[in-house]
């Protein structure tokens, strides 16, 4: 279980780093900064969940659903950037 959480965390870190670089290279500075702030917030949530998963499984399940919706929003933004 911890190995899976660690792998998910590493994957999220890589994906979000790529998103930050893409935003920085393609967008005006103010928009890139806004997206980078959003990605940092998502990473903080993800880190919190990795720790909370061990202590509050029911809460984490509900919150993971919320994060999935946020990830979908982030993916939509990334898709817009790629156009």
PDB file of N, CA and C in Angstrom:
ATOM      1  N   UNK A   1       0.829  -1.197   0.000  1.00  0.00           N
ATOM      2  CA  UNK A   1       0.000   0.000   0.000  1.00  0.00           C
ATOM      3  C   UNK A   1       0.874   1.263   0.000  1.00  0.00           C
ATOM      4  N   UNK A   2       1.930   1.261   0.831  1.00  0.00           N
ATOM      5  CA  UNK A   2       2.799   2.434   0.873  1.00  0.00           C
ATOM      6  C   UNK A   2       3.582   2.583  -0.428  1.00  0.00           C
ATOM      7  N   UNK A   3       3.953   1.441  -1.025  1.00  0.00           N
ATOM      8  CA  UNK A   3       4.678   1.505  -2.297  1.00  0.00           C
ATOM      9  C   UNK A   3       3.795   2.105  -3.387  1.00  0.00           C
ATOM     10  N   UNK A   4       2.518   1.733  -3.392  1.00  0.00           N
ATOM     11  CA  UNK A   4       1.581   2.288  -4.370  1.00  0.00           C
ATOM     12  C   UNK A   4       1.425   3.788  -4.167  1.00  0.00           C
ATOM     13  N   UNK A   5       1.291   4.203  -2.917  1.00  0.00           N
ATOM     14  CA  UNK A   5       1.156   5.634  -2.615  1.00  0.00           C
ATOM     15  C   UNK A   5       2.408   6.392  -3.042  1.00  0.00           C
ATOM     16  N   UNK A   6       3.579   5.804  -2.808  1.00  0.00           N
ATOM     17  CA  UNK A   6       4.830   6.455  -3.199  1.00  0.00           C
ATOM     18  C   UNK A   6       4.932   6.579  -4.716  1.00  0.00           C
ATOM     19  N   UNK A   7       4.510   5.540  -5.422  1.00  0.00           N
ATOM     20  CA  UNK A   7       4.536   5.585  -6.884  1.00  0.00           C
ATOM     21  C   UNK A   7       3.563   6.632  -7.422  1.00  0.00           C
ATOM     22  N   UNK A   8       2.369   6.687  -6.847  1.00  0.00           N
ATOM     23  CA  UNK A   8       1.389   7.697  -7.254  1.00  0.00           C
ATOM     24  C   UNK A   8       1.933   9.095  -7.013  1.00  0.00           C
ATOM     25  N   UNK A   9       2.593   9.274  -5.874  1.00  0.00           N
ATOM     26  CA  UNK A   9       3.141  10.585  -5.530  1.00  0.00           C
ATOM     27  C   UNK A   9       4.238  10.984  -6.528  1.00  0.00           C
ATOM     28  N   UNK A  10       5.123  10.055  -6.846  1.00  0.00           N
ATOM     29  CA  UNK A  10       6.201  10.345  -7.794  1.00  0.00           C
ATOM     30  C   UNK A  10       5.642  10.680  -9.178  1.00  0.00           C
ATOM     31  N   UNK A  11       4.626   9.951  -9.589  1.00  0.00           N
ATOM     32  CA  UNK A  11       3.992  10.212 -10.882  1.00  0.00           C
ATOM     33  C   UNK A  11       3.360  11.599 -10.899  1.00  0.00           C
ATOM     34  N   UNK A  12       2.683  11.953  -9.821  1.00  0.00           N
ATOM     35  CA  UNK A  12       2.050  13.270  -9.732  1.00  0.00           C
ATOM     36  C   UNK A  12       3.098  14.382  -9.753  1.00  0.00           C
ATOM     37  N   UNK A  13       4.202  14.177  -9.055  1.00  0.00           N
ATOM     38  CA  UNK A  13       5.274  15.179  -9.060  1.00  0.00           C
ATOM     39  C   UNK A  13       5.801  15.411 -10.474  1.00  0.00           C
ATOM     40  N   UNK A  14       6.042  14.326 -11.198  1.00  0.00           N
ATOM     41  CA  UNK A  14       6.564  14.447 -12.556  1.00  0.00           C
ATOM     42  C   UNK A  14       5.558  15.142 -13.470  1.00  0.00           C
ATOM     43  N   UNK A  15       4.299  14.739 -13.391  1.00  0.00           N
ATOM     44  CA  UNK A  15       3.262  15.325 -14.242  1.00  0.00           C
ATOM     45  C   UNK A  15       3.105  16.820 -13.949  1.00  0.00           C
ATOM     46  N   UNK A  16       3.120  17.174 -12.688  1.00  0.00           N
ATOM     47  CA  UNK A  16       2.925  18.575 -12.333  1.00  0.00           C
ATOM     48  C   UNK A  16       4.141  19.426 -12.678  1.00  0.00           C
ATOM     49  N   UNK A  17       5.322  18.855 -12.588  1.00  0.00           N
ATOM     50  CA  UNK A  17       6.516  19.591 -13.011  1.00  0.00           C
ATOM     51  C   UNK A  17       6.453  19.867 -14.512  1.00  0.00           C
ATOM     52  N   UNK A  18       5.997  18.883 -15.276  1.00  0.00           N
ATOM     53  CA  UNK A  18       5.855  19.075 -16.721  1.00  0.00           C
ATOM     54  C   UNK A  18       4.824  20.153 -17.027  1.00  0.00           C
ATOM     55  N   UNK A  19       3.734  20.165 -16.284  1.00  0.00           N
ATOM     56  CA  UNK A  19       2.694  21.173 -16.490  1.00  0.00           C
ATOM     57  C   UNK A  19       3.224  22.570 -16.186  1.00  0.00           C
ATOM     58  N   UNK A  20       3.985  22.707 -15.098  1.00  0.00           N
ATOM     59  CA  UNK A  20       4.549  24.017 -14.756  1.00  0.00           C
ATOM     60  C   UNK A  20       5.484  24.514 -15.857  1.00  0.00           C
ATOM     61  N   UNK A  21       6.332  23.626 -16.363  1.00  0.00           N
ATOM     62  CA  UNK A  21       7.248  24.024 -17.435  1.00  0.00           C
ATOM     63  C   UNK A  21       6.498  24.416 -18.700  1.00  0.00           C
ATOM     64  N   UNK A  22       5.484  23.649 -19.031  1.00  0.00           N
ATOM     65  CA  UNK A  22       4.688  23.947 -20.216  1.00  0.00           C
ATOM     66  C   UNK A  22       3.996  25.297 -20.071  1.00  0.00           C
ATOM     67  N   UNK A  23       3.399  25.535 -18.919  1.00  0.00           N
ATOM     68  CA  UNK A  23       2.712  26.806 -18.683  1.00  0.00           C
ATOM     69  C   UNK A  23       3.694  27.969 -18.771  1.00  0.00           C
ATOM     70  N   UNK A  24       4.855  27.793 -18.175  1.00  0.00           N
ATOM     71  CA  UNK A  24       5.851  28.862 -18.167  1.00  0.00           C
ATOM     72  C   UNK A  24       6.338  29.188 -19.577  1.00  0.00           C
ATOM     73  N   UNK A  25       6.449  28.175 -20.419  1.00  0.00           N
ATOM     74  CA  UNK A  25       6.993  28.412 -21.756  1.00  0.00           C
ATOM     75  C   UNK A  25       5.958  28.932 -22.755  1.00  0.00           C
ATOM     76  N   UNK A  26       4.677  28.662 -22.528  1.00  0.00           N
ATOM     77  CA  UNK A  26       3.665  28.998 -23.532  1.00  0.00           C
ATOM     78  C   UNK A  26       2.760  30.171 -23.185  1.00  0.00           C
ATOM     79  N   UNK A  27       2.700  30.532 -21.939  1.00  0.00           N
ATOM     80  CA  UNK A  27       1.729  31.543 -21.522  1.00  0.00           C
ATOM     81  C   UNK A  27       2.396  32.847 -21.121  1.00  0.00           C
ATOM     82  N   UNK A  28       1.620  33.927 -21.150  1.00  0.00           N
ATOM     83  CA  UNK A  28       2.120  35.178 -20.589  1.00  0.00           C
ATOM     84  C   UNK A  28       2.446  34.968 -19.104  1.00  0.00           C
ATOM     85  N   UNK A  29       3.394  35.711 -18.554  1.00  0.00           N
ATOM     86  CA  UNK A  29       3.853  35.480 -17.183  1.00  0.00           C
ATOM     87  C   UNK A  29       2.740  35.402 -16.132  1.00  0.00           C
ATOM     88  N   UNK A  30       1.742  36.276 -16.211  1.00  0.00           N
ATOM     89  CA  UNK A  30       0.690  36.280 -15.191  1.00  0.00           C
ATOM     90  C   UNK A  30      -0.130  34.984 -15.234  1.00  0.00           C
ATOM     91  N   UNK A  31      -0.479  34.514 -16.421  1.00  0.00           N
ATOM     92  CA  UNK A  31      -1.243  33.269 -16.539  1.00  0.00           C
ATOM     93  C   UNK A  31      -0.397  32.072 -16.124  1.00  0.00           C
ATOM     94  N   UNK A  32       0.859  32.069 -16.513  1.00  0.00           N
ATOM     95  CA  UNK A  32       1.746  30.966 -16.138  1.00  0.00           C
ATOM     96  C   UNK A  32       1.883  30.891 -14.624  1.00  0.00           C
ATOM     97  N   UNK A  33       2.026  32.044 -13.983  1.00  0.00           N
ATOM     98  CA  UNK A  33       2.144  32.079 -12.525  1.00  0.00           C
ATOM     99  C   UNK A  33       0.876  31.555 -11.865  1.00  0.00           C
ATOM    100  N   UNK A  34      -0.268  31.905 -12.396  1.00  0.00           N
ATOM    101  CA  UNK A  34      -1.540  31.438 -11.854  1.00  0.00           C
ATOM    102  C   UNK A  34      -1.644  29.918 -11.938  1.00  0.00           C
ATOM    103  N   UNK A  35      -1.274  29.360 -13.069  1.00  0.00           N
ATOM    104  CA  UNK A  35      -1.327  27.905 -13.234  1.00  0.00           C
ATOM    105  C   UNK A  35      -0.304  27.231 -12.327  1.00  0.00           C
ATOM    106  N   UNK A  36       0.875  27.802 -12.224  1.00  0.00           N
ATOM    107  CA  UNK A  36       1.891  27.222 -11.351  1.00  0.00           C
ATOM    108  C   UNK A  36       1.414  27.220  -9.898  1.00  0.00           C
ATOM    109  N   UNK A  37       0.743  28.279  -9.482  1.00  0.00           N
ATOM    110  CA  UNK A  37       0.199  28.344  -8.124  1.00  0.00           C
ATOM    111  C   UNK A  37      -0.841  27.241  -7.921  1.00  0.00           C
ATOM    112  N   UNK A  38      -1.702  27.046  -8.911  1.00  0.00           N
ATOM    113  CA  UNK A  38      -2.729  26.005  -8.835  1.00  0.00           C
ATOM    114  C   UNK A  38      -2.083  24.625  -8.720  1.00  0.00           C
ATOM    115  N   UNK A  39      -1.040  24.375  -9.498  1.00  0.00           N
ATOM    116  CA  UNK A  39      -0.355  23.081  -9.461  1.00  0.00           C
ATOM    117  C   UNK A  39       0.304  22.866  -8.098  1.00  0.00           C
ATOM    118  N   UNK A  40       0.932  23.889  -7.552  1.00  0.00           N
ATOM    119  CA  UNK A  40       1.550  23.763  -6.226  1.00  0.00           C
ATOM    120  C   UNK A  40       0.500  23.435  -5.171  1.00  0.00           C
ATOM    121  N   UNK A  41      -0.665  24.053  -5.275  1.00  0.00           N
ATOM    122  CA  UNK A  41      -1.756  23.767  -4.343  1.00  0.00           C
ATOM    123  C   UNK A  41      -2.187  22.309  -4.461  1.00  0.00           C
ATOM    124  N   UNK A  42      -2.324  21.817  -5.688  1.00  0.00           N
ATOM    125  CA  UNK A  42      -2.698  20.413  -5.891  1.00  0.00           C
ATOM    126  C   UNK A  42      -1.647  19.473  -5.313  1.00  0.00           C
ATOM    127  N   UNK A  43      -0.377  19.825  -5.458  1.00  0.00           N
ATOM    128  CA  UNK A  43       0.678  18.976  -4.905  1.00  0.00           C
ATOM    129  C   UNK A  43       0.626  18.959  -3.380  1.00  0.00           C
ATOM    130  N   UNK A  44       0.328  20.094  -2.769  1.00  0.00           N
ATOM    131  CA  UNK A  44       0.196  20.127  -1.313  1.00  0.00           C
ATOM    132  C   UNK A  44      -0.953  19.228  -0.870  1.00  0.00           C
ATOM    133  N   UNK A  45      -2.050  19.260  -1.603  1.00  0.00           N
ATOM    134  CA  UNK A  45      -3.177  18.384  -1.290  1.00  0.00           C
ATOM    135  C   UNK A  45      -2.774  16.927  -1.432  1.00  0.00           C
ATOM    136  N   UNK A  46      -2.058  16.613  -2.484  1.00  0.00           N
ATOM    137  CA  UNK A  46      -1.649  15.232  -2.733  1.00  0.00           C
ATOM    138  C   UNK A  46      -0.731  14.734  -1.611  1.00  0.00           C
ATOM    139  N   UNK A  47       0.205  15.568  -1.181  1.00  0.00           N
ATOM    140  CA  UNK A  47       1.109  15.202  -0.092  1.00  0.00           C
ATOM    141  C   UNK A  47       0.330  14.969   1.192  1.00  0.00           C
ATOM    142  N   UNK A  48      -0.623  15.840   1.469  1.00  0.00           N
ATOM    143  CA  UNK A  48      -1.461  15.680   2.657  1.00  0.00           C
ATOM    144  C   UNK A  48      -2.209  14.357   2.606  1.00  0.00           C
ATOM    145  N   UNK A  49      -2.755  14.028   1.447  1.00  0.00           N
ATOM    146  CA  UNK A  49      -3.502  12.775   1.309  1.00  0.00           C
ATOM    147  C   UNK A  49      -2.619  11.561   1.525  1.00  0.00           C
ATOM    148  N   UNK A  50      -1.414  11.612   1.027  1.00  0.00           N
ATOM    149  CA  UNK A  50      -0.506  10.483   1.204  1.00  0.00           C
ATOM    150  C   UNK A  50      -0.279  10.211   2.689  1.00  0.00           C
ATOM    151  N   UNK A  51      -0.182  11.259   3.480  1.00  0.00           N
ATOM    152  CA  UNK A  51       0.002  11.099   4.925  1.00  0.00           C
ATOM    153  C   UNK A  51      -1.302  10.713   5.614  1.00  0.00           C
ATOM    154  N   UNK A  52      -2.391  11.328   5.201  1.00  0.00           N
ATOM    155  CA  UNK A  52      -3.687  11.078   5.845  1.00  0.00           C
ATOM    156  C   UNK A  52      -4.226   9.692   5.536  1.00  0.00           C
ATOM    157  N   UNK A  53      -3.840   9.136   4.393  1.00  0.00           N
ATOM    158  CA  UNK A  53      -4.334   7.815   3.985  1.00  0.00           C
ATOM    159  C   UNK A  53      -4.064   6.774   5.069  1.00  0.00           C
ATOM    160  N   UNK A  54      -2.969   6.920   5.755  1.00  0.00           N
ATOM    161  CA  UNK A  54      -2.599   5.967   6.797  1.00  0.00           C
ATOM    162  C   UNK A  54      -3.481   6.103   8.033  1.00  0.00           C
ATOM    163  N   UNK A  55      -4.002   7.281   8.301  1.00  0.00           N
ATOM    164  CA  UNK A  55      -4.708   7.541   9.553  1.00  0.00           C
ATOM    165  C   UNK A  55      -6.214   7.725   9.414  1.00  0.00           C
ATOM    166  N   UNK A  56      -6.682   8.165   8.254  1.00  0.00           N
ATOM    167  CA  UNK A  56      -8.108   8.462   8.072  1.00  0.00           C
ATOM    168  C   UNK A  56      -8.605   7.955   6.718  1.00  0.00           C
ATOM    169  N   UNK A  57      -8.692   6.648   6.517  1.00  0.00           N
ATOM    170  CA  UNK A  57      -9.040   6.118   5.194  1.00  0.00           C
ATOM    171  C   UNK A  57     -10.378   6.606   4.635  1.00  0.00           C
ATOM    172  N   UNK A  58     -11.434   6.699   5.428  1.00  0.00           N
ATOM    173  CA  UNK A  58     -12.738   7.134   4.919  1.00  0.00           C
ATOM    174  C   UNK A  58     -12.716   8.568   4.417  1.00  0.00           C
ATOM    175  N   UNK A  59     -12.074   9.420   5.161  1.00  0.00           N
ATOM    176  CA  UNK A  59     -11.951  10.817   4.770  1.00  0.00           C
ATOM    177  C   UNK A  59     -11.165  10.933   3.466  1.00  0.00           C
ATOM    178  N   UNK A  60     -10.112  10.161   3.384  1.00  0.00           N
ATOM    179  CA  UNK A  60      -9.241  10.220   2.215  1.00  0.00           C
ATOM    180  C   UNK A  60      -9.989   9.807   0.951  1.00  0.00           C
ATOM    181  N   UNK A  61     -10.833   8.786   1.040  1.00  0.00           N
ATOM    182  CA  UNK A  61     -11.589   8.350  -0.137  1.00  0.00           C
ATOM    183  C   UNK A  61     -12.458   9.480  -0.686  1.00  0.00           C
ATOM    184  N   UNK A  62     -13.150  10.170   0.194  1.00  0.00           N
ATOM    185  CA  UNK A  62     -14.000  11.281  -0.248  1.00  0.00           C
ATOM    186  C   UNK A  62     -13.152  12.415  -0.830  1.00  0.00           C
ATOM    187  N   UNK A  63     -12.039  12.684  -0.197  1.00  0.00           N
ATOM    188  CA  UNK A  63     -11.195  13.772  -0.656  1.00  0.00           C
ATOM    189  C   UNK A  63     -10.512  13.418  -1.977  1.00  0.00           C
ATOM    190  N   UNK A  64     -10.193  12.138  -2.170  1.00  0.00           N
ATOM    191  CA  UNK A  64      -9.594  11.718  -3.434  1.00  0.00           C
ATOM    192  C   UNK A  64     -10.549  11.954  -4.601  1.00  0.00           C
ATOM    193  N   UNK A  65     -11.838  11.776  -4.367  1.00  0.00           N
ATOM    194  CA  UNK A  65     -12.818  12.080  -5.413  1.00  0.00           C
ATOM    195  C   UNK A  65     -12.740  13.556  -5.791  1.00  0.00           C
ATOM    196  N   UNK A  66     -12.612  14.396  -4.780  1.00  0.00           N
ATOM    197  CA  UNK A  66     -12.465  15.836  -5.024  1.00  0.00           C
ATOM    198  C   UNK A  66     -11.188  16.107  -5.833  1.00  0.00           C
ATOM    199  N   UNK A  67     -10.106  15.456  -5.461  1.00  0.00           N
ATOM    200  CA  UNK A  67      -8.848  15.664  -6.178  1.00  0.00           C
ATOM    201  C   UNK A  67      -8.918  15.162  -7.616  1.00  0.00           C
ATOM    202  N   UNK A  68      -9.673  14.109  -7.837  1.00  0.00           N
ATOM    203  CA  UNK A  68      -9.831  13.629  -9.210  1.00  0.00           C
ATOM    204  C   UNK A  68     -10.527  14.679 -10.065  1.00  0.00           C
ATOM    205  N   UNK A  69     -11.521  15.340  -9.494  1.00  0.00           N
ATOM    206  CA  UNK A  69     -12.185  16.419 -10.236  1.00  0.00           C
ATOM    207  C   UNK A  69     -11.199  17.555 -10.510  1.00  0.00           C
ATOM    208  N   UNK A  70     -10.365  17.878  -9.522  1.00  0.00           N
ATOM    209  CA  UNK A  70      -9.349  18.916  -9.712  1.00  0.00           C
ATOM    210  C   UNK A  70      -8.346  18.496 -10.788  1.00  0.00           C
ATOM    211  N   UNK A  71      -7.975  17.230 -10.791  1.00  0.00           N
ATOM    212  CA  UNK A  71      -7.030  16.733 -11.792  1.00  0.00           C
ATOM    213  C   UNK A  71      -7.632  16.826 -13.189  1.00  0.00           C
ATOM    214  N   UNK A  72      -8.925  16.571 -13.297  1.00  0.00           N
ATOM    215  CA  UNK A  72      -9.592  16.703 -14.591  1.00  0.00           C
ATOM    216  C   UNK A  72      -9.560  18.152 -15.060  1.00  0.00           C
ATOM    217  N   UNK A  73      -9.772  19.077 -14.135  1.00  0.00           N
ATOM    218  CA  UNK A  73      -9.693  20.494 -14.471  1.00  0.00           C
ATOM    219  C   UNK A  73      -8.279  20.853 -14.925  1.00  0.00           C
ATOM    220  N   UNK A  74      -7.289  20.366 -14.206  1.00  0.00           N
ATOM    221  CA  UNK A  74      -5.900  20.627 -14.570  1.00  0.00           C
ATOM    222  C   UNK A  74      -5.586  20.054 -15.945  1.00  0.00           C
ATOM    223  N   UNK A  75      -6.085  18.857 -16.223  1.00  0.00           N
ATOM    224  CA  UNK A  75      -5.864  18.240 -17.533  1.00  0.00           C
ATOM    225  C   UNK A  75      -6.507  19.074 -18.635  1.00  0.00           C
ATOM    226  N   UNK A  76      -7.683  19.618 -18.357  1.00  0.00           N
ATOM    227  CA  UNK A  76      -8.353  20.464 -19.346  1.00  0.00           C
ATOM    228  C   UNK A  76      -7.533  21.723 -19.610  1.00  0.00           C
ATOM    229  N   UNK A  77      -6.969  22.303 -18.553  1.00  0.00           N
ATOM    230  CA  UNK A  77      -6.124  23.489 -18.712  1.00  0.00           C
ATOM    231  C   UNK A  77      -4.885  23.130 -19.521  1.00  0.00           C
ATOM    232  N   UNK A  78      -4.295  21.984 -19.204  1.00  0.00           N
ATOM    233  CA  UNK A  78      -3.105  21.550 -19.930  1.00  0.00           C
ATOM    234  C   UNK A  78      -3.422  21.343 -21.406  1.00  0.00           C
ATOM    235  N   UNK A  79      -4.581  20.800 -21.684  1.00  0.00           N
ATOM    236  CA  UNK A  79      -4.991  20.580 -23.069  1.00  0.00           C
ATOM    237  C   UNK A  79      -5.155  21.916 -23.796  1.00  0.00           C
ATOM    238  N   UNK A  80      -5.728  22.898 -23.108  1.00  0.00           N
ATOM    239  CA  UNK A  80      -5.879  24.230 -23.709  1.00  0.00           C
ATOM    240  C   UNK A  80      -4.519  24.849 -23.997  1.00  0.00           C
ATOM    241  N   UNK A  81      -3.587  24.658 -23.083  1.00  0.00           N
ATOM    242  CA  UNK A  81      -2.244  25.214 -23.263  1.00  0.00           C
ATOM    243  C   UNK A  81      -1.577  24.599 -24.486  1.00  0.00           C
ATOM    244  N   UNK A  82      -1.813  23.310 -24.676  1.00  0.00           N
ATOM    245  CA  UNK A  82      -1.160  22.581 -25.769  1.00  0.00           C
ATOM    246  C   UNK A  82      -1.660  22.996 -27.141  1.00  0.00           C
ATOM    247  N   UNK A  83      -2.801  23.625 -27.205  1.00  0.00           N
ATOM    248  CA  UNK A  83      -3.366  24.011 -28.512  1.00  0.00           C
ATOM    249  C   UNK A  83      -2.590  25.099 -29.173  1.00  0.00           C
TER     250      UNK A  83
END
